[in-house]
């Protein structure tokens, strides 16, 4: 399967990496980025391994959550031969915070 990134995904990844740079420094930022990207690449082999999130799924899309670490999850959905990365979620924020992004 191929991986596609939404604009929300790019923006949220940038937010997570900016925060980690400011808070923990460059080396930790690089490590976090590598963990996130490696985890997403593994989805290509096992795209359905993560649970569906019923709170944000709808009749059009079943959103899934890949837990990368205690603080970071990846929200994605499947379509044909694509894994669509929708959002990199800082799990310290409530799911309600991102609900508006997915309510369409």
PDB file of N, CA and C in Angstrom:
ATOM      1  N   UNK A   1       0.830  -1.182   0.000  1.00  0.00           N
ATOM      2  CA  UNK A   1       0.000   0.000   0.000  1.00  0.00           C
ATOM      3  C   UNK A   1       0.878   1.250   0.000  1.00  0.00           C
ATOM      4  N   UNK A   2       0.343   2.291  -0.586  1.00  0.00           N
ATOM      5  CA  UNK A   2       1.049   3.567  -0.645  1.00  0.00           C
ATOM      6  C   UNK A   2       0.527   4.478   0.461  1.00  0.00           C
ATOM      7  N   UNK A   3       1.381   5.390   0.885  1.00  0.00           N
ATOM      8  CA  UNK A   3       1.019   6.303   1.965  1.00  0.00           C
ATOM      9  C   UNK A   3       0.819   7.703   1.402  1.00  0.00           C
ATOM     10  N   UNK A   4      -0.334   8.301   1.746  1.00  0.00           N
ATOM     11  CA  UNK A   4      -0.629   9.691   1.374  1.00  0.00           C
ATOM     12  C   UNK A   4      -0.804  10.504   2.654  1.00  0.00           C
ATOM     13  N   UNK A   5      -0.286  11.711   2.627  1.00  0.00           N
ATOM     14  CA  UNK A   5      -0.383  12.612   3.776  1.00  0.00           C
ATOM     15  C   UNK A   5      -1.337  13.750   3.450  1.00  0.00           C
ATOM     16  N   UNK A   6      -2.262  14.035   4.356  1.00  0.00           N
ATOM     17  CA  UNK A   6      -3.133  15.201   4.205  1.00  0.00           C
ATOM     18  C   UNK A   6      -2.392  16.447   4.693  1.00  0.00           C
ATOM     19  N   UNK A   7      -2.934  17.598   4.364  1.00  0.00           N
ATOM     20  CA  UNK A   7      -2.339  18.843   4.860  1.00  0.00           C
ATOM     21  C   UNK A   7      -2.421  18.908   6.387  1.00  0.00           C
ATOM     22  N   UNK A   8      -3.526  18.431   6.960  1.00  0.00           N
ATOM     23  CA  UNK A   8      -3.647  18.381   8.429  1.00  0.00           C
ATOM     24  C   UNK A   8      -2.544  17.516   9.031  1.00  0.00           C
ATOM     25  N   UNK A   9      -2.223  16.418   8.364  1.00  0.00           N
ATOM     26  CA  UNK A   9      -1.177  15.528   8.870  1.00  0.00           C
ATOM     27  C   UNK A   9       0.182  16.225   8.857  1.00  0.00           C
ATOM     28  N   UNK A  10       0.507  16.874   7.740  1.00  0.00           N
ATOM     29  CA  UNK A  10       1.776  17.612   7.674  1.00  0.00           C
ATOM     30  C   UNK A  10       1.835  18.701   8.741  1.00  0.00           C
ATOM     31  N   UNK A  11       0.757  19.454   8.860  1.00  0.00           N
ATOM     32  CA  UNK A  11       0.739  20.554   9.833  1.00  0.00           C
ATOM     33  C   UNK A  11       0.869  20.047  11.263  1.00  0.00           C
ATOM     34  N   UNK A  12       0.150  18.975  11.576  1.00  0.00           N
ATOM     35  CA  UNK A  12       0.209  18.451  12.943  1.00  0.00           C
ATOM     36  C   UNK A  12       1.559  17.804  13.234  1.00  0.00           C
ATOM     37  N   UNK A  13       2.175  17.179  12.227  1.00  0.00           N
ATOM     38  CA  UNK A  13       3.527  16.639  12.413  1.00  0.00           C
ATOM     39  C   UNK A  13       4.501  17.776  12.698  1.00  0.00           C
ATOM     40  N   UNK A  14       4.385  18.852  11.941  1.00  0.00           N
ATOM     41  CA  UNK A  14       5.242  20.016  12.163  1.00  0.00           C
ATOM     42  C   UNK A  14       5.055  20.563  13.576  1.00  0.00           C
ATOM     43  N   UNK A  15       3.814  20.634  14.037  1.00  0.00           N
ATOM     44  CA  UNK A  15       3.541  21.118  15.397  1.00  0.00           C
ATOM     45  C   UNK A  15       4.207  20.233  16.448  1.00  0.00           C
ATOM     46  N   UNK A  16       4.075  18.925  16.284  1.00  0.00           N
ATOM     47  CA  UNK A  16       4.677  17.982  17.237  1.00  0.00           C
ATOM     48  C   UNK A  16       6.195  18.120  17.231  1.00  0.00           C
ATOM     49  N   UNK A  17       6.781  18.228  16.045  1.00  0.00           N
ATOM     50  CA  UNK A  17       8.241  18.327  15.951  1.00  0.00           C
ATOM     51  C   UNK A  17       8.754  19.669  16.464  1.00  0.00           C
ATOM     52  N   UNK A  18       8.027  20.738  16.196  1.00  0.00           N
ATOM     53  CA  UNK A  18       8.420  22.049  16.734  1.00  0.00           C
ATOM     54  C   UNK A  18       8.394  22.038  18.257  1.00  0.00           C
ATOM     55  N   UNK A  19       7.337  21.456  18.813  1.00  0.00           N
ATOM     56  CA  UNK A  19       7.225  21.363  20.270  1.00  0.00           C
ATOM     57  C   UNK A  19       8.379  20.537  20.847  1.00  0.00           C
ATOM     58  N   UNK A  20       8.692  19.418  20.216  1.00  0.00           N
ATOM     59  CA  UNK A  20       9.763  18.567  20.741  1.00  0.00           C
ATOM     60  C   UNK A  20      11.123  19.255  20.626  1.00  0.00           C
ATOM     61  N   UNK A  21      11.326  20.042  19.570  1.00  0.00           N
ATOM     62  CA  UNK A  21      12.581  20.786  19.432  1.00  0.00           C
ATOM     63  C   UNK A  21      12.713  21.823  20.547  1.00  0.00           C
ATOM     64  N   UNK A  22      11.658  22.581  20.775  1.00  0.00           N
ATOM     65  CA  UNK A  22      11.684  23.621  21.810  1.00  0.00           C
ATOM     66  C   UNK A  22      11.822  23.036  23.210  1.00  0.00           C
ATOM     67  N   UNK A  23      11.184  21.905  23.434  1.00  0.00           N
ATOM     68  CA  UNK A  23      11.125  21.330  24.778  1.00  0.00           C
ATOM     69  C   UNK A  23      12.298  20.406  25.089  1.00  0.00           C
ATOM     70  N   UNK A  24      12.685  19.582  24.109  1.00  0.00           N
ATOM     71  CA  UNK A  24      13.668  18.529  24.372  1.00  0.00           C
ATOM     72  C   UNK A  24      14.972  18.666  23.599  1.00  0.00           C
ATOM     73  N   UNK A  25      15.001  19.506  22.565  1.00  0.00           N
ATOM     74  CA  UNK A  25      16.220  19.699  21.793  1.00  0.00           C
ATOM     75  C   UNK A  25      16.224  18.924  20.483  1.00  0.00           C
ATOM     76  N   UNK A  26      17.246  19.208  19.686  1.00  0.00           N
ATOM     77  CA  UNK A  26      17.332  18.691  18.322  1.00  0.00           C
ATOM     78  C   UNK A  26      17.399  17.171  18.260  1.00  0.00           C
ATOM     79  N   UNK A  27      18.242  16.557  19.074  1.00  0.00           N
ATOM     80  CA  UNK A  27      18.404  15.100  18.999  1.00  0.00           C
ATOM     81  C   UNK A  27      17.104  14.371  19.313  1.00  0.00           C
ATOM     82  N   UNK A  28      16.379  14.854  20.299  1.00  0.00           N
ATOM     83  CA  UNK A  28      15.099  14.226  20.637  1.00  0.00           C
ATOM     84  C   UNK A  28      14.079  14.450  19.524  1.00  0.00           C
ATOM     85  N   UNK A  29      14.108  15.627  18.913  1.00  0.00           N
ATOM     86  CA  UNK A  29      13.199  15.905  17.799  1.00  0.00           C
ATOM     87  C   UNK A  29      13.438  14.916  16.657  1.00  0.00           C
ATOM     88  N   UNK A  30      14.699  14.691  16.324  1.00  0.00           N
ATOM     89  CA  UNK A  30      15.043  13.749  15.253  1.00  0.00           C
ATOM     90  C   UNK A  30      14.574  12.343  15.617  1.00  0.00           C
ATOM     91  N   UNK A  31      14.764  11.948  16.863  1.00  0.00           N
ATOM     92  CA  UNK A  31      14.336  10.615  17.306  1.00  0.00           C
ATOM     93  C   UNK A  31      12.821  10.465  17.215  1.00  0.00           C
ATOM     94  N   UNK A  32      12.090  11.488  17.626  1.00  0.00           N
ATOM     95  CA  UNK A  32      10.622  11.438  17.564  1.00  0.00           C
ATOM     96  C   UNK A  32      10.151  11.357  16.118  1.00  0.00           C
ATOM     97  N   UNK A  33      10.757  12.159  15.255  1.00  0.00           N
ATOM     98  CA  UNK A  33      10.378  12.123  13.838  1.00  0.00           C
ATOM     99  C   UNK A  33      10.621  10.737  13.243  1.00  0.00           C
ATOM    100  N   UNK A  34      11.753  10.143  13.568  1.00  0.00           N
ATOM    101  CA  UNK A  34      12.074   8.809  13.052  1.00  0.00           C
ATOM    102  C   UNK A  34      11.075   7.763  13.548  1.00  0.00           C
ATOM    103  N   UNK A  35      10.713   7.834  14.807  1.00  0.00           N
ATOM    104  CA  UNK A  35       9.746   6.881  15.364  1.00  0.00           C
ATOM    105  C   UNK A  35       8.392   7.014  14.670  1.00  0.00           C
ATOM    106  N   UNK A  36       7.946   8.248  14.466  1.00  0.00           N
ATOM    107  CA  UNK A  36       6.655   8.473  13.809  1.00  0.00           C
ATOM    108  C   UNK A  36       6.681   7.935  12.383  1.00  0.00           C
ATOM    109  N   UNK A  37       7.700   8.308  11.620  1.00  0.00           N
ATOM    110  CA  UNK A  37       7.755   7.902  10.211  1.00  0.00           C
ATOM    111  C   UNK A  37       7.933   6.398  10.051  1.00  0.00           C
ATOM    112  N   UNK A  38       8.748   5.790  10.896  1.00  0.00           N
ATOM    113  CA  UNK A  38       8.940   4.339  10.846  1.00  0.00           C
ATOM    114  C   UNK A  38       7.643   3.606  11.184  1.00  0.00           C
ATOM    115  N   UNK A  39       6.927   4.105  12.170  1.00  0.00           N
ATOM    116  CA  UNK A  39       5.649   3.489  12.550  1.00  0.00           C
ATOM    117  C   UNK A  39       4.647   3.557  11.406  1.00  0.00           C
ATOM    118  N   UNK A  40       4.598   4.693  10.729  1.00  0.00           N
ATOM    119  CA  UNK A  40       3.677   4.842   9.598  1.00  0.00           C
ATOM    120  C   UNK A  40       4.067   3.914   8.456  1.00  0.00           C
ATOM    121  N   UNK A  41       5.353   3.768   8.202  1.00  0.00           N
ATOM    122  CA  UNK A  41       5.807   2.866   7.139  1.00  0.00           C
ATOM    123  C   UNK A  41       5.389   1.425   7.413  1.00  0.00           C
ATOM    124  N   UNK A  42       5.359   1.016   8.670  1.00  0.00           N
ATOM    125  CA  UNK A  42       4.941  -0.345   9.023  1.00  0.00           C
ATOM    126  C   UNK A  42       3.487  -0.608   8.663  1.00  0.00           C
ATOM    127  N   UNK A  43       2.693   0.454   8.601  1.00  0.00           N
ATOM    128  CA  UNK A  43       1.290   0.291   8.218  1.00  0.00           C
ATOM    129  C   UNK A  43       1.146  -0.277   6.812  1.00  0.00           C
ATOM    130  N   UNK A  44       2.111  -0.041   5.951  1.00  0.00           N
ATOM    131  CA  UNK A  44       2.039  -0.554   4.583  1.00  0.00           C
ATOM    132  C   UNK A  44       1.928  -2.077   4.573  1.00  0.00           C
ATOM    133  N   UNK A  45       2.549  -2.731   5.542  1.00  0.00           N
ATOM    134  CA  UNK A  45       2.488  -4.192   5.632  1.00  0.00           C
ATOM    135  C   UNK A  45       1.219  -4.679   6.333  1.00  0.00           C
ATOM    136  N   UNK A  46       0.785  -3.936   7.331  1.00  0.00           N
ATOM    137  CA  UNK A  46      -0.355  -4.349   8.155  1.00  0.00           C
ATOM    138  C   UNK A  46      -1.332  -3.182   8.337  1.00  0.00           C
ATOM    139  N   UNK A  47      -1.997  -2.763   7.289  1.00  0.00           N
ATOM    140  CA  UNK A  47      -2.821  -1.547   7.362  1.00  0.00           C
ATOM    141  C   UNK A  47      -4.027  -1.640   8.294  1.00  0.00           C
ATOM    142  N   UNK A  48      -4.523  -2.836   8.544  1.00  0.00           N
ATOM    143  CA  UNK A  48      -5.709  -2.965   9.403  1.00  0.00           C
ATOM    144  C   UNK A  48      -5.369  -3.365  10.839  1.00  0.00           C
ATOM    145  N   UNK A  49      -4.093  -3.290  11.198  1.00  0.00           N
ATOM    146  CA  UNK A  49      -3.680  -3.741  12.525  1.00  0.00           C
ATOM    147  C   UNK A  49      -4.148  -2.822  13.649  1.00  0.00           C
ATOM    148  N   UNK A  50      -4.544  -1.622  13.331  1.00  0.00           N
ATOM    149  CA  UNK A  50      -4.929  -0.648  14.361  1.00  0.00           C
ATOM    150  C   UNK A  50      -6.443  -0.558  14.491  1.00  0.00           C
ATOM    151  N   UNK A  51      -6.912  -0.242  15.682  1.00  0.00           N
ATOM    152  CA  UNK A  51      -8.361  -0.201  15.903  1.00  0.00           C
ATOM    153  C   UNK A  51      -9.035   0.995  15.228  1.00  0.00           C
ATOM    154  N   UNK A  52     -10.288   0.786  14.895  1.00  0.00           N
ATOM    155  CA  UNK A  52     -11.126   1.855  14.351  1.00  0.00           C
ATOM    156  C   UNK A  52     -11.530   2.767  15.507  1.00  0.00           C
ATOM    157  N   UNK A  53     -11.614   4.060  15.222  1.00  0.00           N
ATOM    158  CA  UNK A  53     -12.043   5.038  16.227  1.00  0.00           C
ATOM    159  C   UNK A  53     -13.495   5.400  15.926  1.00  0.00           C
ATOM    160  N   UNK A  54     -14.447   4.805  16.618  1.00  0.00           N
ATOM    161  CA  UNK A  54     -15.855   5.056  16.297  1.00  0.00           C
ATOM    162  C   UNK A  54     -16.289   6.500  16.517  1.00  0.00           C
ATOM    163  N   UNK A  55     -15.640   7.207  17.438  1.00  0.00           N
ATOM    164  CA  UNK A  55     -16.032   8.586  17.741  1.00  0.00           C
ATOM    165  C   UNK A  55     -15.873   9.533  16.555  1.00  0.00           C
ATOM    166  N   UNK A  56     -14.945   9.238  15.654  1.00  0.00           N
ATOM    167  CA  UNK A  56     -14.730  10.136  14.516  1.00  0.00           C
ATOM    168  C   UNK A  56     -14.989   9.472  13.172  1.00  0.00           C
ATOM    169  N   UNK A  57     -15.231   8.174  13.160  1.00  0.00           N
ATOM    170  CA  UNK A  57     -15.541   7.486  11.906  1.00  0.00           C
ATOM    171  C   UNK A  57     -16.959   7.834  11.475  1.00  0.00           C
ATOM    172  N   UNK A  58     -17.211   7.687  10.179  1.00  0.00           N
ATOM    173  CA  UNK A  58     -18.542   7.988   9.643  1.00  0.00           C
ATOM    174  C   UNK A  58     -18.876   6.990   8.540  1.00  0.00           C
ATOM    175  N   UNK A  59     -19.924   7.231   7.785  1.00  0.00           N
ATOM    176  CA  UNK A  59     -20.333   6.310   6.718  1.00  0.00           C
ATOM    177  C   UNK A  59     -19.360   6.289   5.551  1.00  0.00           C
ATOM    178  N   UNK A  60     -18.530   7.288   5.459  1.00  0.00           N
ATOM    179  CA  UNK A  60     -17.593   7.396   4.341  1.00  0.00           C
ATOM    180  C   UNK A  60     -16.227   6.819   4.695  1.00  0.00           C
ATOM    181  N   UNK A  61     -15.772   7.081   5.927  1.00  0.00           N
ATOM    182  CA  UNK A  61     -14.420   6.679   6.320  1.00  0.00           C
ATOM    183  C   UNK A  61     -14.408   6.038   7.702  1.00  0.00           C
ATOM    184  N   UNK A  62     -13.585   5.007   7.812  1.00  0.00           N
ATOM    185  CA  UNK A  62     -13.307   4.404   9.113  1.00  0.00           C
ATOM    186  C   UNK A  62     -11.907   4.846   9.520  1.00  0.00           C
ATOM    187  N   UNK A  63     -11.851   5.767  10.450  1.00  0.00           N
ATOM    188  CA  UNK A  63     -10.559   6.250  10.926  1.00  0.00           C
ATOM    189  C   UNK A  63      -9.985   5.255  11.922  1.00  0.00           C
ATOM    190  N   UNK A  64      -8.672   5.088  11.849  1.00  0.00           N
ATOM    191  CA  UNK A  64      -7.952   4.174  12.725  1.00  0.00           C
ATOM    192  C   UNK A  64      -6.885   4.945  13.489  1.00  0.00           C
ATOM    193  N   UNK A  65      -6.472   4.376  14.612  1.00  0.00           N
ATOM    194  CA  UNK A  65      -5.470   5.028  15.456  1.00  0.00           C
ATOM    195  C   UNK A  65      -4.267   4.118  15.640  1.00  0.00           C
ATOM    196  N   UNK A  66      -3.119   4.610  15.196  1.00  0.00           N
ATOM    197  CA  UNK A  66      -1.841   3.944  15.402  1.00  0.00           C
ATOM    198  C   UNK A  66      -1.148   4.616  16.585  1.00  0.00           C
ATOM    199  N   UNK A  67      -0.943   3.874  17.652  1.00  0.00           N
ATOM    200  CA  UNK A  67      -0.263   4.419  18.826  1.00  0.00           C
ATOM    201  C   UNK A  67       1.242   4.331  18.585  1.00  0.00           C
ATOM    202  N   UNK A  68       1.874   5.493  18.523  1.00  0.00           N
ATOM    203  CA  UNK A  68       3.317   5.570  18.295  1.00  0.00           C
ATOM    204  C   UNK A  68       4.055   5.586  19.630  1.00  0.00           C
ATOM    205  N   UNK A  69       3.526   6.345  20.565  1.00  0.00           N
ATOM    206  CA  UNK A  69       4.088   6.425  21.915  1.00  0.00           C
ATOM    207  C   UNK A  69       2.962   6.836  22.863  1.00  0.00           C
ATOM    208  N   UNK A  70       3.300   6.979  24.114  1.00  0.00           N
ATOM    209  CA  UNK A  70       2.297   7.393  25.102  1.00  0.00           C
ATOM    210  C   UNK A  70       1.669   8.737  24.724  1.00  0.00           C
ATOM    211  N   UNK A  71       2.445   9.619  24.106  1.00  0.00           N
ATOM    212  CA  UNK A  71       1.973  10.966  23.792  1.00  0.00           C
ATOM    213  C   UNK A  71       1.576  11.184  22.342  1.00  0.00           C
ATOM    214  N   UNK A  72       1.863  10.237  21.459  1.00  0.00           N
ATOM    215  CA  UNK A  72       1.646  10.467  20.024  1.00  0.00           C
ATOM    216  C   UNK A  72       0.909   9.295  19.388  1.00  0.00           C
ATOM    217  N   UNK A  73      -0.141   9.625  18.647  1.00  0.00           N
ATOM    218  CA  UNK A  73      -0.866   8.639  17.840  1.00  0.00           C
ATOM    219  C   UNK A  73      -1.053   9.204  16.440  1.00  0.00           C
ATOM    220  N   UNK A  74      -1.193   8.308  15.489  1.00  0.00           N
ATOM    221  CA  UNK A  74      -1.429   8.692  14.101  1.00  0.00           C
ATOM    222  C   UNK A  74      -2.853   8.291  13.750  1.00  0.00           C
ATOM    223  N   UNK A  75      -3.615   9.235  13.210  1.00  0.00           N
ATOM    224  CA  UNK A  75      -4.977   8.974  12.766  1.00  0.00           C
ATOM    225  C   UNK A  75      -4.926   8.796  11.251  1.00  0.00           C
ATOM    226  N   UNK A  76      -5.479   7.674  10.764  1.00  0.00           N
ATOM    227  CA  UNK A  76      -5.436   7.396   9.327  1.00  0.00           C
ATOM    228  C   UNK A  76      -6.691   6.652   8.902  1.00  0.00           C
ATOM    229  N   UNK A  77      -6.884   6.568   7.590  1.00  0.00           N
ATOM    230  CA  UNK A  77      -7.989   5.792   7.028  1.00  0.00           C
ATOM    231  C   UNK A  77      -7.506   5.136   5.745  1.00  0.00           C
ATOM    232  N   UNK A  78      -8.199   4.073   5.352  1.00  0.00           N
ATOM    233  CA  UNK A  78      -7.801   3.278   4.192  1.00  0.00           C
ATOM    234  C   UNK A  78      -8.734   3.529   3.020  1.00  0.00           C
ATOM    235  N   UNK A  79      -8.132   3.554   1.839  1.00  0.00           N
ATOM    236  CA  UNK A  79      -8.908   3.712   0.610  1.00  0.00           C
ATOM    237  C   UNK A  79      -8.155   3.016  -0.511  1.00  0.00           C
ATOM    238  N   UNK A  80      -8.762   1.996  -1.082  1.00  0.00           N
ATOM    239  CA  UNK A  80      -8.136   1.230  -2.160  1.00  0.00           C
ATOM    240  C   UNK A  80      -6.726   0.815  -1.748  1.00  0.00           C
ATOM    241  N   UNK A  81      -5.719   1.259  -2.480  1.00  0.00           N
ATOM    242  CA  UNK A  81      -4.334   0.899  -2.172  1.00  0.00           C
ATOM    243  C   UNK A  81      -3.606   1.978  -1.381  1.00  0.00           C
ATOM    244  N   UNK A  82      -4.348   2.818  -0.687  1.00  0.00           N
ATOM    245  CA  UNK A  82      -3.740   3.944   0.017  1.00  0.00           C
ATOM    246  C   UNK A  82      -4.021   3.922   1.514  1.00  0.00           C
ATOM    247  N   UNK A  83      -2.991   4.290   2.247  1.00  0.00           N
ATOM    248  CA  UNK A  83      -3.113   4.617   3.661  1.00  0.00           C
ATOM    249  C   UNK A  83      -3.078   6.141   3.703  1.00  0.00           C
ATOM    250  N   UNK A  84      -4.171   6.738   4.124  1.00  0.00           N
ATOM    251  CA  UNK A  84      -4.295   8.191   4.153  1.00  0.00           C
ATOM    252  C   UNK A  84      -4.040   8.688   5.571  1.00  0.00           C
ATOM    253  N   UNK A  85      -2.883   9.279   5.776  1.00  0.00           N
ATOM    254  CA  UNK A  85      -2.539   9.817   7.089  1.00  0.00           C
ATOM    255  C   UNK A  85      -3.267  11.146   7.234  1.00  0.00           C
ATOM    256  N   UNK A  86      -4.116  11.233   8.254  1.00  0.00           N
ATOM    257  CA  UNK A  86      -4.961  12.408   8.434  1.00  0.00           C
ATOM    258  C   UNK A  86      -4.452  13.384   9.477  1.00  0.00           C
ATOM    259  N   UNK A  87      -3.841  12.849  10.532  1.00  0.00           N
ATOM    260  CA  UNK A  87      -3.493  13.727  11.650  1.00  0.00           C
ATOM    261  C   UNK A  87      -2.488  13.036  12.553  1.00  0.00           C
ATOM    262  N   UNK A  88      -1.525  13.786  13.054  1.00  0.00           N
ATOM    263  CA  UNK A  88      -0.630  13.298  14.098  1.00  0.00           C
ATOM    264  C   UNK A  88      -1.156  13.905  15.396  1.00  0.00           C
ATOM    265  N   UNK A  89      -1.624  13.060  16.281  1.00  0.00           N
ATOM    266  CA  UNK A  89      -2.358  13.492  17.470  1.00  0.00           C
ATOM    267  C   UNK A  89      -1.477  13.471  18.707  1.00  0.00           C
ATOM    268  N   UNK A  90      -1.328  14.621  19.327  1.00  0.00           N
ATOM    269  CA  UNK A  90      -0.701  14.715  20.640  1.00  0.00           C
ATOM    270  C   UNK A  90      -1.773  14.269  21.631  1.00  0.00           C
ATOM    271  N   UNK A  91      -1.634  13.084  22.163  1.00  0.00           N
ATOM    272  CA  UNK A  91      -2.700  12.477  22.964  1.00  0.00           C
ATOM    273  C   UNK A  91      -2.927  13.159  24.306  1.00  0.00           C
ATOM    274  N   UNK A  92      -2.098  14.129  24.625  1.00  0.00           N
ATOM    275  CA  UNK A  92      -2.362  14.920  25.831  1.00  0.00           C
ATOM    276  C   UNK A  92      -3.535  15.868  25.601  1.00  0.00           C
ATOM    277  N   UNK A  93      -3.913  16.031  24.342  1.00  0.00           N
ATOM    278  CA  UNK A  93      -5.097  16.822  23.998  1.00  0.00           C
ATOM    279  C   UNK A  93      -6.267  15.859  23.831  1.00  0.00           C
ATOM    280  N   UNK A  94      -7.445  16.311  24.157  1.00  0.00           N
ATOM    281  CA  UNK A  94      -8.608  15.426  24.094  1.00  0.00           C
ATOM    282  C   UNK A  94      -8.967  15.087  22.651  1.00  0.00           C
ATOM    283  N   UNK A  95      -9.605  13.957  22.481  1.00  0.00           N
ATOM    284  CA  UNK A  95     -10.085  13.555  21.162  1.00  0.00           C
ATOM    285  C   UNK A  95     -11.098  14.569  20.649  1.00  0.00           C
ATOM    286  N   UNK A  96     -11.824  15.180  21.549  1.00  0.00           N
ATOM    287  CA  UNK A  96     -12.803  16.202  21.162  1.00  0.00           C
ATOM    288  C   UNK A  96     -12.130  17.353  20.410  1.00  0.00           C
ATOM    289  N   UNK A  97     -10.885  17.654  20.758  1.00  0.00           N
ATOM    290  CA  UNK A  97     -10.137  18.723  20.092  1.00  0.00           C
ATOM    291  C   UNK A  97     -10.024  18.484  18.589  1.00  0.00           C
ATOM    292  N   UNK A  98      -9.832  17.238  18.184  1.00  0.00           N
ATOM    293  CA  UNK A  98      -9.663  16.958  16.752  1.00  0.00           C
ATOM    294  C   UNK A  98     -10.960  16.526  16.071  1.00  0.00           C
ATOM    295  N   UNK A  99     -12.019  16.380  16.838  1.00  0.00           N
ATOM    296  CA  UNK A  99     -13.289  15.931  16.274  1.00  0.00           C
ATOM    297  C   UNK A  99     -13.737  16.808  15.109  1.00  0.00           C
ATOM    298  N   UNK A 100     -13.603  18.112  15.230  1.00  0.00           N
ATOM    299  CA  UNK A 100     -14.060  19.019  14.173  1.00  0.00           C
ATOM    300  C   UNK A 100     -13.332  18.810  12.853  1.00  0.00           C
ATOM    301  N   UNK A 101     -12.119  18.344  12.907  1.00  0.00           N
ATOM    302  CA  UNK A 101     -11.367  18.075  11.680  1.00  0.00           C
ATOM    303  C   UNK A 101     -12.002  16.926  10.905  1.00  0.00           C
ATOM    304  N   UNK A 102     -12.556  15.945  11.615  1.00  0.00           N
ATOM    305  CA  UNK A 102     -13.047  14.724  10.989  1.00  0.00           C
ATOM    306  C   UNK A 102     -14.559  14.631  10.869  1.00  0.00           C
ATOM    307  N   UNK A 103     -15.289  15.626  11.281  1.00  0.00           N
ATOM    308  CA  UNK A 103     -16.748  15.509  11.314  1.00  0.00           C
ATOM    309  C   UNK A 103     -17.409  15.559   9.944  1.00  0.00           C
ATOM    310  N   UNK A 104     -16.673  15.911   8.911  1.00  0.00           N
ATOM    311  CA  UNK A 104     -17.256  15.982   7.555  1.00  0.00           C
ATOM    312  C   UNK A 104     -17.606  14.618   7.006  1.00  0.00           C
TER     313      UNK A 104
END
